[in-house]
Amino acid sequence: NIAGNGNCVPRPDHRPLTKFENRGHTRGHGVWDMMYRKLAD
């Protein structure tokens, strides 16, 4: 977990903010991004 176990990351710039998501923000709805990196075997 690139943010550390149990943590989320801020929405990265490359993920567009959708109209649906923007409406949710105005209504106080949360949105969470999580990013996991593959480790070598």
ModelCIF file with pLDDT and N, C-alpha, C, O atoms, coordinates in Angstrom:
data_MODEL
#
_entry.id   MODEL 
#
_entity.id                         1 
_entity.type                       polymer 
_entity.pdbx_number_of_molecules   1 
#
_entity_poly.entity_id                      1 
_entity_poly.type                           'polypeptide(L)' 
_entity_poly.nstd_linkage                   no 
_entity_poly.nstd_monomer                   no 
_entity_poly.pdbx_seq_one_letter_code       NIAGNGNCVPRPDHRPLTKFENRGHTRGHGVWDMMYRKLAD 
_entity_poly.pdbx_seq_one_letter_code_can   NIAGNGNCVPRPDHRPLTKFENRGHTRGHGVWDMMYRKLAD 
_entity_poly.pdbx_strand_id                 A 
#
loop_
_entity_poly_seq.entity_id 
_entity_poly_seq.num 
_entity_poly_seq.mon_id 
_entity_poly_seq.hetero 
1 1  ASN n 
1 2  ILE n 
1 3  ALA n 
1 4  GLY n 
1 5  ASN n 
1 6  GLY n 
1 7  ASN n 
1 8  CYS n 
1 9  VAL n 
1 10 PRO n 
1 11 ARG n 
1 12 PRO n 
1 13 ASP n 
1 14 HIS n 
1 15 ARG n 
1 16 PRO n 
1 17 LEU n 
1 18 THR n 
1 19 LYS n 
1 20 PHE n 
1 21 GLU n 
1 22 ASN n 
1 23 ARG n 
1 24 GLY n 
1 25 HIS n 
1 26 THR n 
1 27 ARG n 
1 28 GLY n 
1 29 HIS n 
1 30 GLY n 
1 31 VAL n 
1 32 TRP n 
1 33 ASP n 
1 34 MET n 
1 35 MET n 
1 36 TYR n 
1 37 ARG n 
1 38 LYS n 
1 39 LEU n 
1 40 ALA n 
1 41 ASP n 
#
_struct_asym.id          A 
_struct_asym.entity_id   1 
#
loop_
_ma_qa_metric.id 
_ma_qa_metric.mode 
_ma_qa_metric.name 
_ma_qa_metric.software_group_id 
_ma_qa_metric.type 
1 global pLDDT . pLDDT 
2 local  pLDDT . pLDDT 
#
_ma_qa_metric_global.metric_id      1 
_ma_qa_metric_global.metric_value   88.76 
_ma_qa_metric_global.model_id       1 
_ma_qa_metric_global.ordinal_id     1 
#
loop_
_ma_qa_metric_local.label_asym_id 
_ma_qa_metric_local.label_comp_id 
_ma_qa_metric_local.label_seq_id 
_ma_qa_metric_local.metric_id 
_ma_qa_metric_local.metric_value 
_ma_qa_metric_local.model_id 
_ma_qa_metric_local.ordinal_id 
A ASN 1  2 98.00 1 1  
A ILE 2  2 98.00 1 2  
A ALA 3  2 98.00 1 3  
A GLY 4  2 98.00 1 4  
A ASN 5  2 98.00 1 5  
A GLY 6  2 98.00 1 6  
A ASN 7  2 98.00 1 7  
A CYS 8  2 98.00 1 8  
A VAL 9  2 98.00 1 9  
A PRO 10 2 96.00 1 10 
A ARG 11 2 94.00 1 11 
A PRO 12 2 95.00 1 12 
A ASP 13 2 93.00 1 13 
A HIS 14 2 94.00 1 14 
A ARG 15 2 95.00 1 15 
A PRO 16 2 93.00 1 16 
A LEU 17 2 88.00 1 17 
A THR 18 2 78.00 1 18 
A LYS 19 2 72.00 1 19 
A PHE 20 2 68.00 1 20 
A GLU 21 2 79.00 1 21 
A ASN 22 2 75.00 1 22 
A ARG 23 2 70.00 1 23 
A GLY 24 2 65.00 1 24 
A HIS 25 2 70.00 1 25 
A THR 26 2 72.00 1 26 
A ARG 27 2 70.00 1 27 
A GLY 28 2 70.00 1 28 
A HIS 29 2 75.00 1 29 
A GLY 30 2 89.00 1 30 
A VAL 31 2 92.00 1 31 
A TRP 32 2 95.00 1 32 
A ASP 33 2 97.00 1 33 
A MET 34 2 98.00 1 34 
A MET 35 2 98.00 1 35 
A TYR 36 2 98.00 1 36 
A ARG 37 2 98.00 1 37 
A LYS 38 2 98.00 1 38 
A LEU 39 2 98.00 1 39 
A ALA 40 2 97.00 1 40 
A ASP 41 2 87.00 1 41 
#
loop_
_atom_site.group_PDB 
_atom_site.id 
_atom_site.type_symbol 
_atom_site.label_atom_id 
_atom_site.label_alt_id 
_atom_site.label_comp_id 
_atom_site.label_asym_id 
_atom_site.label_entity_id 
_atom_site.label_seq_id 
_atom_site.pdbx_PDB_ins_code 
_atom_site.Cartn_x 
_atom_site.Cartn_y 
_atom_site.Cartn_z 
_atom_site.occupancy 
_atom_site.B_iso_or_equiv 
_atom_site.pdbx_formal_charge 
_atom_site.auth_seq_id 
_atom_site.auth_comp_id 
_atom_site.auth_asym_id 
_atom_site.auth_atom_id 
_atom_site.pdbx_PDB_model_num 
ATOM 1   N N  . ASN A 1 1  ? 0.869   -1.174  0.000   1.00 98.00 ? 1  ASN A N  1 
ATOM 2   C CA . ASN A 1 1  ? 0.000   0.000   0.000   1.00 98.00 ? 1  ASN A CA 1 
ATOM 3   C C  . ASN A 1 1  ? 0.906   1.225   0.000   1.00 98.00 ? 1  ASN A C  1 
ATOM 4   O O  . ASN A 1 1  ? 1.634   1.451   0.967   1.00 98.00 ? 1  ASN A O  1 
ATOM 5   N N  . ILE A 1 2  ? 0.874   2.015   -1.063  1.00 98.00 ? 2  ILE A N  1 
ATOM 6   C CA . ILE A 1 2  ? 1.848   3.099   -1.173  1.00 98.00 ? 2  ILE A CA 1 
ATOM 7   C C  . ILE A 1 2  ? 1.592   4.212   -0.157  1.00 98.00 ? 2  ILE A C  1 
ATOM 8   O O  . ILE A 1 2  ? 2.458   5.054   0.079   1.00 98.00 ? 2  ILE A O  1 
ATOM 9   N N  . ALA A 1 3  ? 0.395   4.211   0.445   1.00 98.00 ? 3  ALA A N  1 
ATOM 10  C CA . ALA A 1 3  ? 0.099   5.192   1.492   1.00 98.00 ? 3  ALA A CA 1 
ATOM 11  C C  . ALA A 1 3  ? 0.313   4.621   2.882   1.00 98.00 ? 3  ALA A C  1 
ATOM 12  O O  . ALA A 1 3  ? 0.128   5.324   3.876   1.00 98.00 ? 3  ALA A O  1 
ATOM 13  N N  . GLY A 1 4  ? 0.705   3.342   2.965   1.00 98.00 ? 4  GLY A N  1 
ATOM 14  C CA . GLY A 1 4  ? 0.834   2.676   4.255   1.00 98.00 ? 4  GLY A CA 1 
ATOM 15  C C  . GLY A 1 4  ? -0.450  1.949   4.591   1.00 98.00 ? 4  GLY A C  1 
ATOM 16  O O  . GLY A 1 4  ? -1.539  2.428   4.273   1.00 98.00 ? 4  GLY A O  1 
ATOM 17  N N  . ASN A 1 5  ? -0.335  0.793   5.235   1.00 98.00 ? 5  ASN A N  1 
ATOM 18  C CA . ASN A 1 5  ? -1.508  -0.018  5.538   1.00 98.00 ? 5  ASN A CA 1 
ATOM 19  C C  . ASN A 1 5  ? -2.589  0.789   6.243   1.00 98.00 ? 5  ASN A C  1 
ATOM 20  O O  . ASN A 1 5  ? -2.324  1.565   7.161   1.00 98.00 ? 5  ASN A O  1 
ATOM 21  N N  . GLY A 1 6  ? -3.821  0.576   5.778   1.00 98.00 ? 6  GLY A N  1 
ATOM 22  C CA . GLY A 1 6  ? -4.967  1.255   6.369   1.00 98.00 ? 6  GLY A CA 1 
ATOM 23  C C  . GLY A 1 6  ? -5.207  2.656   5.855   1.00 98.00 ? 6  GLY A C  1 
ATOM 24  O O  . GLY A 1 6  ? -6.118  3.338   6.324   1.00 98.00 ? 6  GLY A O  1 
ATOM 25  N N  . ASN A 1 7  ? -4.400  3.103   4.892   1.00 98.00 ? 7  ASN A N  1 
ATOM 26  C CA . ASN A 1 7  ? -4.497  4.486   4.422   1.00 98.00 ? 7  ASN A CA 1 
ATOM 27  C C  . ASN A 1 7  ? -4.873  4.576   2.944   1.00 98.00 ? 7  ASN A C  1 
ATOM 28  O O  . ASN A 1 7  ? -4.613  3.665   2.158   1.00 98.00 ? 7  ASN A O  1 
ATOM 29  N N  . CYS A 1 8  ? -5.491  5.698   2.591   1.00 98.00 ? 8  CYS A N  1 
ATOM 30  C CA . CYS A 1 8  ? -5.837  6.006   1.210   1.00 98.00 ? 8  CYS A CA 1 
ATOM 31  C C  . CYS A 1 8  ? -4.920  7.112   0.696   1.00 98.00 ? 8  CYS A C  1 
ATOM 32  O O  . CYS A 1 8  ? -4.199  7.746   1.466   1.00 98.00 ? 8  CYS A O  1 
ATOM 33  N N  . VAL A 1 9  ? -4.961  7.328   -0.601  1.00 98.00 ? 9  VAL A N  1 
ATOM 34  C CA . VAL A 1 9  ? -4.163  8.388   -1.214  1.00 98.00 ? 9  VAL A CA 1 
ATOM 35  C C  . VAL A 1 9  ? -5.087  9.494   -1.709  1.00 98.00 ? 9  VAL A C  1 
ATOM 36  O O  . VAL A 1 9  ? -6.262  9.230   -1.968  1.00 98.00 ? 9  VAL A O  1 
ATOM 37  N N  . PRO A 1 10 ? -4.597  10.722  -1.850  1.00 96.00 ? 10 PRO A N  1 
ATOM 38  C CA . PRO A 1 10 ? -5.403  11.771  -2.488  1.00 96.00 ? 10 PRO A CA 1 
ATOM 39  C C  . PRO A 1 10 ? -5.684  11.382  -3.936  1.00 96.00 ? 10 PRO A C  1 
ATOM 40  O O  . PRO A 1 10 ? -4.898  10.667  -4.556  1.00 96.00 ? 10 PRO A O  1 
ATOM 41  N N  . ARG A 1 11 ? -6.811  11.856  -4.471  1.00 94.00 ? 11 ARG A N  1 
ATOM 42  C CA . ARG A 1 11 ? -7.109  11.558  -5.875  1.00 94.00 ? 11 ARG A CA 1 
ATOM 43  C C  . ARG A 1 11 ? -5.981  12.095  -6.749  1.00 94.00 ? 11 ARG A C  1 
ATOM 44  O O  . ARG A 1 11 ? -5.709  13.295  -6.737  1.00 94.00 ? 11 ARG A O  1 
ATOM 45  N N  . PRO A 1 12 ? -5.318  11.211  -7.513  1.00 95.00 ? 12 PRO A N  1 
ATOM 46  C CA . PRO A 1 12 ? -4.247  11.695  -8.392  1.00 95.00 ? 12 PRO A CA 1 
ATOM 47  C C  . PRO A 1 12 ? -4.810  12.512  -9.550  1.00 95.00 ? 12 PRO A C  1 
ATOM 48  O O  . PRO A 1 12 ? -5.951  12.314  -9.968  1.00 95.00 ? 12 PRO A O  1 
ATOM 49  N N  . ASP A 1 13 ? -4.007  13.419  -10.054 1.00 93.00 ? 13 ASP A N  1 
ATOM 50  C CA . ASP A 1 13 ? -4.466  14.306  -11.125 1.00 93.00 ? 13 ASP A CA 1 
ATOM 51  C C  . ASP A 1 13 ? -4.868  13.540  -12.375 1.00 93.00 ? 13 ASP A C  1 
ATOM 52  O O  . ASP A 1 13 ? -5.720  14.002  -13.133 1.00 93.00 ? 13 ASP A O  1 
ATOM 53  N N  . HIS A 1 14 ? -4.265  12.369  -12.605 1.00 94.00 ? 14 HIS A N  1 
ATOM 54  C CA . HIS A 1 14 ? -4.565  11.659  -13.842 1.00 94.00 ? 14 HIS A CA 1 
ATOM 55  C C  . HIS A 1 14 ? -5.924  10.969  -13.804 1.00 94.00 ? 14 HIS A C  1 
ATOM 56  O O  . HIS A 1 14 ? -6.413  10.538  -14.848 1.00 94.00 ? 14 HIS A O  1 
ATOM 57  N N  . ARG A 1 15 ? -6.554  10.850  -12.621 1.00 95.00 ? 15 ARG A N  1 
ATOM 58  C CA . ARG A 1 15 ? -7.916  10.301  -12.576 1.00 95.00 ? 15 ARG A CA 1 
ATOM 59  C C  . ARG A 1 15 ? -8.906  11.446  -12.654 1.00 95.00 ? 15 ARG A C  1 
ATOM 60  O O  . ARG A 1 15 ? -9.027  12.218  -11.703 1.00 95.00 ? 15 ARG A O  1 
ATOM 61  N N  . PRO A 1 16 ? -9.625  11.575  -13.777 1.00 93.00 ? 16 PRO A N  1 
ATOM 62  C CA . PRO A 1 16 ? -10.534 12.710  -13.936 1.00 93.00 ? 16 PRO A CA 1 
ATOM 63  C C  . PRO A 1 16 ? -11.632 12.710  -12.872 1.00 93.00 ? 16 PRO A C  1 
ATOM 64  O O  . PRO A 1 16 ? -12.077 11.655  -12.419 1.00 93.00 ? 16 PRO A O  1 
ATOM 65  N N  . LEU A 1 17 ? -12.047 13.881  -12.493 1.00 88.00 ? 17 LEU A N  1 
ATOM 66  C CA . LEU A 1 17 ? -13.164 14.061  -11.568 1.00 88.00 ? 17 LEU A CA 1 
ATOM 67  C C  . LEU A 1 17 ? -14.444 14.013  -12.382 1.00 88.00 ? 17 LEU A C  1 
ATOM 68  O O  . LEU A 1 17 ? -14.694 14.895  -13.205 1.00 88.00 ? 17 LEU A O  1 
ATOM 69  N N  . THR A 1 18 ? -15.263 12.979  -12.156 1.00 78.00 ? 18 THR A N  1 
ATOM 70  C CA . THR A 1 18 ? -16.478 12.813  -12.941 1.00 78.00 ? 18 THR A CA 1 
ATOM 71  C C  . THR A 1 18 ? -17.583 13.744  -12.421 1.00 78.00 ? 18 THR A C  1 
ATOM 72  O O  . THR A 1 18 ? -17.521 14.230  -11.291 1.00 78.00 ? 18 THR A O  1 
ATOM 73  N N  . LYS A 1 19 ? -18.596 13.983  -13.267 1.00 72.00 ? 19 LYS A N  1 
ATOM 74  C CA . LYS A 1 19 ? -19.741 14.795  -12.855 1.00 72.00 ? 19 LYS A CA 1 
ATOM 75  C C  . LYS A 1 19 ? -20.438 14.159  -11.653 1.00 72.00 ? 19 LYS A C  1 
ATOM 76  O O  . LYS A 1 19 ? -20.834 14.851  -10.715 1.00 72.00 ? 19 LYS A O  1 
ATOM 77  N N  . PHE A 1 20 ? -20.580 12.850  -11.693 1.00 68.00 ? 20 PHE A N  1 
ATOM 78  C CA . PHE A 1 20 ? -21.217 12.129  -10.595 1.00 68.00 ? 20 PHE A CA 1 
ATOM 79  C C  . PHE A 1 20 ? -20.430 12.333  -9.303  1.00 68.00 ? 20 PHE A C  1 
ATOM 80  O O  . PHE A 1 20 ? -21.007 12.593  -8.247  1.00 68.00 ? 20 PHE A O  1 
ATOM 81  N N  . GLU A 1 21 ? -19.113 12.213  -9.397  1.00 79.00 ? 21 GLU A N  1 
ATOM 82  C CA . GLU A 1 21 ? -18.257 12.372  -8.224  1.00 79.00 ? 21 GLU A CA 1 
ATOM 83  C C  . GLU A 1 21 ? -18.302 13.809  -7.714  1.00 79.00 ? 21 GLU A C  1 
ATOM 84  O O  . GLU A 1 21 ? -18.315 14.041  -6.506  1.00 79.00 ? 21 GLU A O  1 
ATOM 85  N N  . ASN A 1 22 ? -18.326 14.767  -8.628  1.00 75.00 ? 22 ASN A N  1 
ATOM 86  C CA . ASN A 1 22 ? -18.373 16.176  -8.243  1.00 75.00 ? 22 ASN A CA 1 
ATOM 87  C C  . ASN A 1 22 ? -19.676 16.495  -7.508  1.00 75.00 ? 22 ASN A C  1 
ATOM 88  O O  . ASN A 1 22 ? -19.673 17.233  -6.522  1.00 75.00 ? 22 ASN A O  1 
ATOM 89  N N  . ARG A 1 23 ? -20.794 15.934  -7.993  1.00 70.00 ? 23 ARG A N  1 
ATOM 90  C CA . ARG A 1 23 ? -22.072 16.125  -7.305  1.00 70.00 ? 23 ARG A CA 1 
ATOM 91  C C  . ARG A 1 23 ? -22.012 15.540  -5.904  1.00 70.00 ? 23 ARG A C  1 
ATOM 92  O O  . ARG A 1 23 ? -22.544 16.113  -4.953  1.00 70.00 ? 23 ARG A O  1 
ATOM 93  N N  . GLY A 1 24 ? -21.354 14.382  -5.788  1.00 65.00 ? 24 GLY A N  1 
ATOM 94  C CA . GLY A 1 24 ? -21.233 13.756  -4.479  1.00 65.00 ? 24 GLY A CA 1 
ATOM 95  C C  . GLY A 1 24 ? -20.465 14.622  -3.502  1.00 65.00 ? 24 GLY A C  1 
ATOM 96  O O  . GLY A 1 24 ? -20.816 14.706  -2.325  1.00 65.00 ? 24 GLY A O  1 
ATOM 97  N N  . HIS A 1 25 ? -19.407 15.271  -3.997  1.00 70.00 ? 25 HIS A N  1 
ATOM 98  C CA . HIS A 1 25 ? -18.613 16.154  -3.142  1.00 70.00 ? 25 HIS A CA 1 
ATOM 99  C C  . HIS A 1 25 ? -19.464 17.308  -2.619  1.00 70.00 ? 25 HIS A C  1 
ATOM 100 O O  . HIS A 1 25 ? -19.371 17.677  -1.448  1.00 70.00 ? 25 HIS A O  1 
ATOM 101 N N  . THR A 1 26 ? -20.295 17.876  -3.496  1.00 72.00 ? 26 THR A N  1 
ATOM 102 C CA . THR A 1 26 ? -21.122 19.004  -3.070  1.00 72.00 ? 26 THR A CA 1 
ATOM 103 C C  . THR A 1 26 ? -22.145 18.586  -2.034  1.00 72.00 ? 26 THR A C  1 
ATOM 104 O O  . THR A 1 26 ? -22.624 19.421  -1.267  1.00 72.00 ? 26 THR A O  1 
ATOM 105 N N  . ARG A 1 27 ? -22.487 17.314  -1.997  1.00 70.00 ? 27 ARG A N  1 
ATOM 106 C CA . ARG A 1 27 ? -23.452 16.803  -1.021  1.00 70.00 ? 27 ARG A CA 1 
ATOM 107 C C  . ARG A 1 27 ? -22.771 16.194  0.197   1.00 70.00 ? 27 ARG A C  1 
ATOM 108 O O  . ARG A 1 27 ? -23.421 15.607  1.062   1.00 70.00 ? 27 ARG A O  1 
ATOM 109 N N  . GLY A 1 28 ? -21.453 16.346  0.248   1.00 70.00 ? 28 GLY A N  1 
ATOM 110 C CA . GLY A 1 28 ? -20.723 15.848  1.398   1.00 70.00 ? 28 GLY A CA 1 
ATOM 111 C C  . GLY A 1 28 ? -20.377 14.377  1.361   1.00 70.00 ? 28 GLY A C  1 
ATOM 112 O O  . GLY A 1 28 ? -19.993 13.807  2.383   1.00 70.00 ? 28 GLY A O  1 
ATOM 113 N N  . HIS A 1 29 ? -20.505 13.746  0.195   1.00 75.00 ? 29 HIS A N  1 
ATOM 114 C CA . HIS A 1 29 ? -20.167 12.335  0.066   1.00 75.00 ? 29 HIS A CA 1 
ATOM 115 C C  . HIS A 1 29 ? -18.654 12.173  -0.070  1.00 75.00 ? 29 HIS A C  1 
ATOM 116 O O  . HIS A 1 29 ? -17.998 12.974  -0.736  1.00 75.00 ? 29 HIS A O  1 
ATOM 117 N N  . GLY A 1 30 ? -18.114 11.160  0.545   1.00 89.00 ? 30 GLY A N  1 
ATOM 118 C CA . GLY A 1 30 ? -16.684 10.913  0.448   1.00 89.00 ? 30 GLY A CA 1 
ATOM 119 C C  . GLY A 1 30 ? -16.327 10.084  -0.767  1.00 89.00 ? 30 GLY A C  1 
ATOM 120 O O  . GLY A 1 30 ? -17.151 9.322   -1.273  1.00 89.00 ? 30 GLY A O  1 
ATOM 121 N N  . VAL A 1 31 ? -15.104 10.232  -1.235  1.00 92.00 ? 31 VAL A N  1 
ATOM 122 C CA . VAL A 1 31 ? -14.535 9.392   -2.294  1.00 92.00 ? 31 VAL A CA 1 
ATOM 123 C C  . VAL A 1 31 ? -13.133 9.025   -1.850  1.00 92.00 ? 31 VAL A C  1 
ATOM 124 O O  . VAL A 1 31 ? -12.375 9.881   -1.393  1.00 92.00 ? 31 VAL A O  1 
ATOM 125 N N  . TRP A 1 32 ? -12.784 7.744   -1.986  1.00 95.00 ? 32 TRP A N  1 
ATOM 126 C CA . TRP A 1 32 ? -11.507 7.256   -1.502  1.00 95.00 ? 32 TRP A CA 1 
ATOM 127 C C  . TRP A 1 32 ? -10.742 6.565   -2.626  1.00 95.00 ? 32 TRP A C  1 
ATOM 128 O O  . TRP A 1 32 ? -11.301 5.739   -3.348  1.00 95.00 ? 32 TRP A O  1 
ATOM 129 N N  . ASP A 1 33 ? -9.454  6.908   -2.770  1.00 97.00 ? 33 ASP A N  1 
ATOM 130 C CA . ASP A 1 33 ? -8.552  6.263   -3.723  1.00 97.00 ? 33 ASP A CA 1 
ATOM 131 C C  . ASP A 1 33 ? -7.540  5.441   -2.956  1.00 97.00 ? 33 ASP A C  1 
ATOM 132 O O  . ASP A 1 33 ? -7.033  5.871   -1.920  1.00 97.00 ? 33 ASP A O  1 
ATOM 133 N N  . MET A 1 34 ? -7.249  4.262   -3.467  1.00 98.00 ? 34 MET A N  1 
ATOM 134 C CA . MET A 1 34 ? -6.242  3.382   -2.879  1.00 98.00 ? 34 MET A CA 1 
ATOM 135 C C  . MET A 1 34 ? -5.325  2.890   -3.980  1.00 98.00 ? 34 MET A C  1 
ATOM 136 O O  . MET A 1 34 ? -5.790  2.522   -5.058  1.00 98.00 ? 34 MET A O  1 
ATOM 137 N N  . MET A 1 35 ? -4.022  2.881   -3.719  1.00 98.00 ? 35 MET A N  1 
ATOM 138 C CA . MET A 1 35 ? -3.060  2.452   -4.728  1.00 98.00 ? 35 MET A CA 1 
ATOM 139 C C  . MET A 1 35 ? -2.075  1.454   -4.101  1.00 98.00 ? 35 MET A C  1 
ATOM 140 O O  . MET A 1 35 ? -1.473  1.703   -3.056  1.00 98.00 ? 35 MET A O  1 
ATOM 141 N N  . TYR A 1 36 ? -1.943  0.325   -4.784  1.00 98.00 ? 36 TYR A N  1 
ATOM 142 C CA . TYR A 1 36 ? -1.067  -0.747  -4.314  1.00 98.00 ? 36 TYR A CA 1 
ATOM 143 C C  . TYR A 1 36 ? -0.029  -1.051  -5.382  1.00 98.00 ? 36 TYR A C  1 
ATOM 144 O O  . TYR A 1 36 ? -0.353  -1.186  -6.562  1.00 98.00 ? 36 TYR A O  1 
ATOM 145 N N  . ARG A 1 37 ? 1.223   -1.156  -4.954  1.00 98.00 ? 37 ARG A N  1 
ATOM 146 C CA . ARG A 1 37 ? 2.331   -1.442  -5.858  1.00 98.00 ? 37 ARG A CA 1 
ATOM 147 C C  . ARG A 1 37 ? 2.678   -2.928  -5.783  1.00 98.00 ? 37 ARG A C  1 
ATOM 148 O O  . ARG A 1 37 ? 2.731   -3.512  -4.700  1.00 98.00 ? 37 ARG A O  1 
ATOM 149 N N  . LYS A 1 38 ? 2.914   -3.535  -6.961  1.00 98.00 ? 38 LYS A N  1 
ATOM 150 C CA . LYS A 1 38 ? 3.352   -4.931  -6.983  1.00 98.00 ? 38 LYS A CA 1 
ATOM 151 C C  . LYS A 1 38 ? 4.824   -5.016  -6.616  1.00 98.00 ? 38 LYS A C  1 
ATOM 152 O O  . LYS A 1 38 ? 5.664   -4.324  -7.191  1.00 98.00 ? 38 LYS A O  1 
ATOM 153 N N  . LEU A 1 39 ? 5.122   -5.872  -5.655  1.00 98.00 ? 39 LEU A N  1 
ATOM 154 C CA . LEU A 1 39 ? 6.496   -6.101  -5.233  1.00 98.00 ? 39 LEU A CA 1 
ATOM 155 C C  . LEU A 1 39 ? 7.086   -7.279  -5.997  1.00 98.00 ? 39 LEU A C  1 
ATOM 156 O O  . LEU A 1 39 ? 6.355   -8.123  -6.517  1.00 98.00 ? 39 LEU A O  1 
ATOM 157 N N  . ALA A 1 40 ? 8.404   -7.329  -6.060  1.00 97.00 ? 40 ALA A N  1 
ATOM 158 C CA . ALA A 1 40 ? 9.074   -8.469  -6.672  1.00 97.00 ? 40 ALA A CA 1 
ATOM 159 C C  . ALA A 1 40 ? 8.842   -9.715  -5.830  1.00 97.00 ? 40 ALA A C  1 
ATOM 160 O O  . ALA A 1 40 ? 8.666   -9.635  -4.615  1.00 97.00 ? 40 ALA A O  1 
ATOM 161 N N  . ASP A 1 41 ? 8.846   -10.873 -6.494  1.00 87.00 ? 41 ASP A N  1 
ATOM 162 C CA . ASP A 1 41 ? 8.677   -12.145 -5.769  1.00 87.00 ? 41 ASP A CA 1 
ATOM 163 C C  . ASP A 1 41 ? 9.844   -12.381 -4.829  1.00 87.00 ? 41 ASP A C  1 
ATOM 164 O O  . ASP A 1 41 ? 9.881   -13.396 -4.135  1.00 87.00 ? 41 ASP A O  1 
#
